[in-house]
Structure formats: structure tokens, C-alpha cells
Amino acid sequence: MRRSVVPAQITTVEDRVLGNLTPYQAGLISAPLVFGIVVYAMLPPNFHLVMYKIGIVVGLELIGGVLSIKKDDQMLAFWIAKRLRYNMRSRLYIYDKNDDFLRSNVAEISQSDIGEKQETEAAKTPMLATSEIGTGEIVRIEQIMADERANLRFKAGKDGKLYALIEEIK
């Protein structure tokens, strides 16, 4: 059995159609010529060589030739397309982790299921213990919070509770 080494760059080698031209380059150069034949036949005077027809064909051929120039193994037309795509992209991205787009495991939920689910969740959640604060105490707390000397700070505890810390006013 005979073995041979396959070069690693075999997938990056471009096809050459005409001499050193790739199919895209040949298309960019030959498309204006085909369009020029249509212009020569259709625009008045039909099948006569006139200066404006020559100007149209030469201008399009120059544009196609410039776009087919290669720099860093990519044609100028691809560089322009990349730049246009970059400039046309949206500048603002809003991340929403609740987005269902392209999720395959999300089941369809009907409105009746949502109502039943909310009722059952409301029945399961325990009521939080709240202490009754009188009006006098509320007024005193608001006065302390308004006083700049009290140095009011909020601290989140490890258990998820929010604590208000007030230094003693002398």
C-alpha cells in the first residue's frame, strides 16, 4: 500500500480560471464587458459605436478592474463589503437572558397555564414576617434619616436581607 503526504494548506488553495485570476476576479472583469455588449445593442443608435457607450463600458470596466485587485489574499470588493457590513451593524446590543429565540427546549405555554401557575405559586410562598411600626416611630426614623450626622448606611447581609446602619447621634 502506497502512502503520500497531503499538504495542510490544501483547503486554502484558490482555483485559478484565467491565468492568475480567480473566478470572482474573472467575473468582476468580464461582467462589464457583457453589460457593454447589451449597451451597444440596446441604446440608441442601435449597433453603432458612440462615445457615450464607450464611456459607460470603460467606466464600468475600470470599476470592475479596481474591485478585483487583491491585497492580503482578499479582493478589494470583499474588503469594501466587510467595511460596509461593519458600519451598518447595530451599535447597541441588549442582552436578554429570558429570550426564547433559538431555544429548542422551550415549551409553548398557554395563557390559562400562566394563570394557574401564578395562583399555585402565590399559595406556596410563605408570608414574610413584618413588624407593625407606629406613626410616632416612623416620624422619628425619617428625622434620623434626614439628619446628616447620623451617617446612614445600607448593608446587604449574607441571608439576603438589607440592613440599615445608623450611627448614634450625640
C-alpha atoms as a PDB file:
ATOM      1  CA  MET A   1       0.000   0.000   0.000  1.00  0.00           C
ATOM      2  CA  ARG A   2       1.358   3.375  -1.015  1.00  0.00           C
ATOM      3  CA  ARG A   3       1.165   6.404   1.263  1.00  0.00           C
ATOM      4  CA  SER A   4       1.567  10.071   0.417  1.00  0.00           C
ATOM      5  CA  VAL A   5       1.694  13.254   2.431  1.00  0.00           C
ATOM      6  CA  VAL A   6      -1.181  15.685   1.946  1.00  0.00           C
ATOM      7  CA  PRO A   7      -0.218  19.326   2.488  1.00  0.00           C
ATOM      8  CA  ALA A   8      -2.053  21.165   5.264  1.00  0.00           C
ATOM      9  CA  GLN A   9      -2.892  24.134   3.002  1.00  0.00           C
ATOM     10  CA  ILE A  10      -4.957  22.079   0.577  1.00  0.00           C
ATOM     11  CA  THR A  11      -8.208  23.761   1.633  1.00  0.00           C
ATOM     12  CA  THR A  12      -6.836  27.287   1.278  1.00  0.00           C
ATOM     13  CA  VAL A  13      -5.622  26.969  -2.309  1.00  0.00           C
ATOM     14  CA  GLU A  14      -7.826  29.023  -4.637  1.00  0.00           C
ATOM     15  CA  ASP A  15      -8.879  27.871  -8.079  1.00  0.00           C
ATOM     16  CA  ARG A  16      -7.389  29.760 -10.987  1.00  0.00           C
ATOM     17  CA  VAL A  17      -9.598  30.215 -14.043  1.00  0.00           C
ATOM     18  CA  LEU A  18      -7.736  32.537 -16.401  1.00  0.00           C
ATOM     19  CA  GLY A  19      -4.011  32.741 -15.806  1.00  0.00           C
ATOM     20  CA  ASN A  20      -3.668  34.060 -12.283  1.00  0.00           C
ATOM     21  CA  LEU A  21      -7.314  35.164 -11.886  1.00  0.00           C
ATOM     22  CA  THR A  22      -9.787  33.568  -9.508  1.00  0.00           C
ATOM     23  CA  PRO A  23     -13.423  33.066 -10.582  1.00  0.00           C
ATOM     24  CA  TYR A  24     -14.532  36.187  -8.689  1.00  0.00           C
ATOM     25  CA  GLN A  25     -11.850  38.310 -10.322  1.00  0.00           C
ATOM     26  CA  ALA A  26     -12.719  36.950 -13.764  1.00  0.00           C
ATOM     27  CA  GLY A  27     -16.385  37.696 -13.100  1.00  0.00           C
ATOM     28  CA  LEU A  28     -15.660  41.268 -11.980  1.00  0.00           C
ATOM     29  CA  ILE A  29     -13.607  41.888 -15.094  1.00  0.00           C
ATOM     30  CA  SER A  30     -15.888  40.158 -17.606  1.00  0.00           C
ATOM     31  CA  ALA A  31     -19.299  41.319 -16.302  1.00  0.00           C
ATOM     32  CA  PRO A  32     -18.806  44.921 -17.554  1.00  0.00           C
ATOM     33  CA  LEU A  33     -17.855  43.554 -20.983  1.00  0.00           C
ATOM     34  CA  VAL A  34     -21.093  41.548 -21.152  1.00  0.00           C
ATOM     35  CA  PHE A  35     -23.024  44.613 -19.980  1.00  0.00           C
ATOM     36  CA  GLY A  36     -21.188  46.638 -22.649  1.00  0.00           C
ATOM     37  CA  ILE A  37     -22.472  44.305 -25.379  1.00  0.00           C
ATOM     38  CA  VAL A  38     -26.031  44.874 -24.115  1.00  0.00           C
ATOM     39  CA  VAL A  39     -25.454  48.663 -24.064  1.00  0.00           C
ATOM     40  CA  TYR A  40     -24.024  48.544 -27.602  1.00  0.00           C
ATOM     41  CA  ALA A  41     -27.059  46.642 -28.889  1.00  0.00           C
ATOM     42  CA  MET A  42     -29.904  48.337 -26.952  1.00  0.00           C
ATOM     43  CA  LEU A  43     -29.117  52.042 -26.535  1.00  0.00           C
ATOM     44  CA  PRO A  44     -29.753  54.364 -29.477  1.00  0.00           C
ATOM     45  CA  PRO A  45     -28.308  54.436 -32.093  1.00  0.00           C
ATOM     46  CA  ASN A  46     -28.512  50.629 -32.068  1.00  0.00           C
ATOM     47  CA  PHE A  47     -25.343  48.743 -33.062  1.00  0.00           C
ATOM     48  CA  HIS A  48     -23.367  51.947 -33.623  1.00  0.00           C
ATOM     49  CA  LEU A  49     -20.203  52.883 -31.794  1.00  0.00           C
ATOM     50  CA  VAL A  50     -20.840  56.196 -29.996  1.00  0.00           C
ATOM     51  CA  MET A  51     -18.677  57.996 -27.395  1.00  0.00           C
ATOM     52  CA  TYR A  52     -21.182  57.766 -24.515  1.00  0.00           C
ATOM     53  CA  LYS A  53     -21.403  53.976 -24.980  1.00  0.00           C
ATOM     54  CA  ILE A  54     -17.603  53.735 -24.878  1.00  0.00           C
ATOM     55  CA  GLY A  55     -17.548  55.914 -21.735  1.00  0.00           C
ATOM     56  CA  ILE A  56     -20.077  53.685 -19.955  1.00  0.00           C
ATOM     57  CA  VAL A  57     -18.235  50.461 -20.799  1.00  0.00           C
ATOM     58  CA  VAL A  58     -14.752  51.852 -19.982  1.00  0.00           C
ATOM     59  CA  GLY A  59     -16.004  53.308 -16.670  1.00  0.00           C
ATOM     60  CA  LEU A  60     -17.606  50.030 -15.610  1.00  0.00           C
ATOM     61  CA  GLU A  61     -14.529  48.089 -16.675  1.00  0.00           C
ATOM     62  CA  LEU A  62     -12.302  50.370 -14.565  1.00  0.00           C
ATOM     63  CA  ILE A  63     -14.561  49.864 -11.545  1.00  0.00           C
ATOM     64  CA  GLY A  64     -14.531  46.077 -12.039  1.00  0.00           C
ATOM     65  CA  GLY A  65     -10.765  46.049 -12.506  1.00  0.00           C
ATOM     66  CA  VAL A  66     -10.142  48.085  -9.354  1.00  0.00           C
ATOM     67  CA  LEU A  67     -12.513  45.934  -7.290  1.00  0.00           C
ATOM     68  CA  SER A  68     -10.729  42.774  -8.451  1.00  0.00           C
ATOM     69  CA  ILE A  69      -7.321  43.899  -7.129  1.00  0.00           C
ATOM     70  CA  LYS A  70      -6.045  41.608  -4.375  1.00  0.00           C
ATOM     71  CA  LYS A  71      -4.479  42.804  -1.128  1.00  0.00           C
ATOM     72  CA  ASP A  72      -3.526  40.351   1.628  1.00  0.00           C
ATOM     73  CA  ASP A  73      -5.091  37.481  -0.366  1.00  0.00           C
ATOM     74  CA  GLN A  74      -8.516  39.166  -0.486  1.00  0.00           C
ATOM     75  CA  MET A  75     -10.075  41.249  -3.215  1.00  0.00           C
ATOM     76  CA  LEU A  76     -10.813  44.913  -2.668  1.00  0.00           C
ATOM     77  CA  ALA A  77     -14.522  44.178  -3.222  1.00  0.00           C
ATOM     78  CA  PHE A  78     -14.505  41.859  -0.179  1.00  0.00           C
ATOM     79  CA  TRP A  79     -12.712  44.497   1.923  1.00  0.00           C
ATOM     80  CA  ILE A  80     -15.359  47.070   0.967  1.00  0.00           C
ATOM     81  CA  ALA A  81     -18.178  44.606   1.708  1.00  0.00           C
ATOM     82  CA  LYS A  82     -16.697  43.833   5.132  1.00  0.00           C
ATOM     83  CA  ARG A  83     -16.350  47.527   5.928  1.00  0.00           C
ATOM     84  CA  LEU A  84     -19.933  48.247   4.843  1.00  0.00           C
ATOM     85  CA  ARG A  85     -21.236  45.349   6.959  1.00  0.00           C
ATOM     86  CA  TYR A  86     -19.234  46.662   9.915  1.00  0.00           C
ATOM     87  CA  ASN A  87     -20.589  50.191   9.520  1.00  0.00           C
ATOM     88  CA  MET A  88     -24.180  49.003   9.041  1.00  0.00           C
ATOM     89  CA  ARG A  89     -24.246  46.786  12.137  1.00  0.00           C
ATOM     90  CA  SER A  90     -26.285  47.787  15.150  1.00  0.00           C
ATOM     91  CA  ARG A  91     -24.264  49.618  17.744  1.00  0.00           C
ATOM     92  CA  LEU A  92     -26.478  48.692  20.692  1.00  0.00           C
ATOM     93  CA  TYR A  93     -26.879  45.144  21.918  1.00  0.00           C
ATOM     94  CA  ILE A  94     -29.401  44.377  24.621  1.00  0.00           C
ATOM     95  CA  TYR A  95     -28.819  41.059  26.299  1.00  0.00           C
ATOM     96  CA  ASP A  96     -31.983  39.386  27.482  1.00  0.00           C
ATOM     97  CA  LYS A  97     -31.449  36.057  29.167  1.00  0.00           C
ATOM     98  CA  ASN A  98     -35.196  35.409  29.036  1.00  0.00           C
ATOM     99  CA  ASP A  99     -35.226  35.466  25.245  1.00  0.00           C
ATOM    100  CA  ASP A 100     -36.712  32.284  23.714  1.00  0.00           C
ATOM    101  CA  PHE A 101     -35.108  32.760  20.298  1.00  0.00           C
ATOM    102  CA  LEU A 102     -33.383  29.589  19.028  1.00  0.00           C
ATOM    103  CA  ARG A 103     -34.125  27.654  22.195  1.00  0.00           C
ATOM    104  CA  SER A 104     -35.203  24.142  21.349  1.00  0.00           C
ATOM    105  CA  ASN A 105     -36.289  23.029  24.820  1.00  0.00           C
ATOM    106  CA  VAL A 106     -38.817  25.814  25.475  1.00  0.00           C
ATOM    107  CA  ALA A 107     -42.369  24.511  25.515  1.00  0.00           C
ATOM    108  CA  GLU A 108     -45.306  26.614  24.423  1.00  0.00           C
ATOM    109  CA  ILE A 109     -47.254  27.916  27.427  1.00  0.00           C
ATOM    110  CA  SER A 110     -50.866  28.946  27.100  1.00  0.00           C
ATOM    111  CA  GLN A 111     -52.399  31.896  28.982  1.00  0.00           C
ATOM    112  CA  SER A 112     -54.547  29.580  31.148  1.00  0.00           C
ATOM    113  CA  ASP A 113     -51.411  27.718  32.298  1.00  0.00           C
ATOM    114  CA  ILE A 114     -49.811  31.012  33.315  1.00  0.00           C
ATOM    115  CA  GLY A 115     -52.807  31.987  35.448  1.00  0.00           C
ATOM    116  CA  GLU A 116     -52.877  28.601  37.190  1.00  0.00           C
ATOM    117  CA  LYS A 117     -49.125  28.704  37.761  1.00  0.00           C
ATOM    118  CA  GLN A 118     -49.310  32.149  39.388  1.00  0.00           C
ATOM    119  CA  GLU A 119     -52.126  31.047  41.684  1.00  0.00           C
ATOM    120  CA  THR A 120     -50.241  27.951  42.832  1.00  0.00           C
ATOM    121  CA  GLU A 121     -47.005  29.907  43.377  1.00  0.00           C
ATOM    122  CA  ALA A 122     -48.880  32.511  45.404  1.00  0.00           C
ATOM    123  CA  ALA A 123     -50.340  29.768  47.593  1.00  0.00           C
ATOM    124  CA  LYS A 124     -46.913  28.131  48.151  1.00  0.00           C
ATOM    125  CA  THR A 125     -44.893  31.233  49.053  1.00  0.00           C
ATOM    126  CA  PRO A 126     -44.834  31.921  52.802  1.00  0.00           C
ATOM    127  CA  MET A 127     -45.813  35.337  54.052  1.00  0.00           C
ATOM    128  CA  LEU A 128     -42.907  37.433  55.293  1.00  0.00           C
ATOM    129  CA  ALA A 129     -42.940  38.419  58.909  1.00  0.00           C
ATOM    130  CA  THR A 130     -43.419  42.170  59.143  1.00  0.00           C
ATOM    131  CA  SER A 131     -43.452  44.128  62.327  1.00  0.00           C
ATOM    132  CA  GLU A 132     -46.039  46.812  62.838  1.00  0.00           C
ATOM    133  CA  ILE A 133     -44.383  50.209  63.276  1.00  0.00           C
ATOM    134  CA  GLY A 134     -46.365  53.025  64.801  1.00  0.00           C
ATOM    135  CA  THR A 135     -46.696  56.502  63.299  1.00  0.00           C
ATOM    136  CA  GLY A 136     -44.505  58.063  66.005  1.00  0.00           C
ATOM    137  CA  GLU A 137     -41.674  55.657  65.271  1.00  0.00           C
ATOM    138  CA  ILE A 138     -41.943  56.284  61.508  1.00  0.00           C
ATOM    139  CA  VAL A 139     -41.619  60.047  62.069  1.00  0.00           C
ATOM    140  CA  ARG A 140     -38.602  59.525  64.364  1.00  0.00           C
ATOM    141  CA  ILE A 141     -36.894  57.227  61.786  1.00  0.00           C
ATOM    142  CA  GLU A 142     -37.481  59.745  58.981  1.00  0.00           C
ATOM    143  CA  GLN A 143     -35.948  62.514  61.132  1.00  0.00           C
ATOM    144  CA  ILE A 144     -32.895  60.371  61.812  1.00  0.00           C
ATOM    145  CA  MET A 145     -32.547  59.521  58.126  1.00  0.00           C
ATOM    146  CA  ALA A 146     -32.720  63.228  57.207  1.00  0.00           C
ATOM    147  CA  ASP A 147     -30.032  64.151  59.737  1.00  0.00           C
ATOM    148  CA  GLU A 148     -26.590  64.263  58.079  1.00  0.00           C
ATOM    149  CA  ARG A 149     -24.788  63.478  61.328  1.00  0.00           C
ATOM    150  CA  ALA A 150     -26.482  60.058  61.544  1.00  0.00           C
ATOM    151  CA  ASN A 151     -24.303  58.617  58.752  1.00  0.00           C
ATOM    152  CA  LEU A 152     -26.964  56.286  57.346  1.00  0.00           C
ATOM    153  CA  ARG A 153     -25.575  53.240  55.511  1.00  0.00           C
ATOM    154  CA  PHE A 154     -27.208  50.218  53.933  1.00  0.00           C
ATOM    155  CA  LYS A 155     -25.610  46.785  54.116  1.00  0.00           C
ATOM    156  CA  ALA A 156     -26.747  43.576  52.463  1.00  0.00           C
ATOM    157  CA  GLY A 157     -26.493  40.540  54.721  1.00  0.00           C
ATOM    158  CA  LYS A 158     -25.475  37.056  53.673  1.00  0.00           C
ATOM    159  CA  ASP A 159     -29.038  35.885  54.134  1.00  0.00           C
ATOM    160  CA  GLY A 160     -30.310  38.358  51.529  1.00  0.00           C
ATOM    161  CA  LYS A 161     -31.715  40.883  53.979  1.00  0.00           C
ATOM    162  CA  LEU A 162     -30.983  44.591  53.737  1.00  0.00           C
ATOM    163  CA  TYR A 163     -29.843  46.238  56.948  1.00  0.00           C
ATOM    164  CA  ALA A 164     -29.910  49.989  57.633  1.00  0.00           C
ATOM    165  CA  LEU A 165     -26.994  51.068  59.839  1.00  0.00           C
ATOM    166  CA  ILE A 166     -27.247  54.383  61.667  1.00  0.00           C
ATOM    167  CA  GLU A 167     -24.546  55.760  63.926  1.00  0.00           C
ATOM    168  CA  GLU A 168     -25.682  57.089  67.295  1.00  0.00           C
ATOM    169  CA  ILE A 169     -26.179  60.835  67.316  1.00  0.00           C
ATOM    170  CA  LYS A 170     -24.771  62.604  70.363  1.00  0.00           C
END
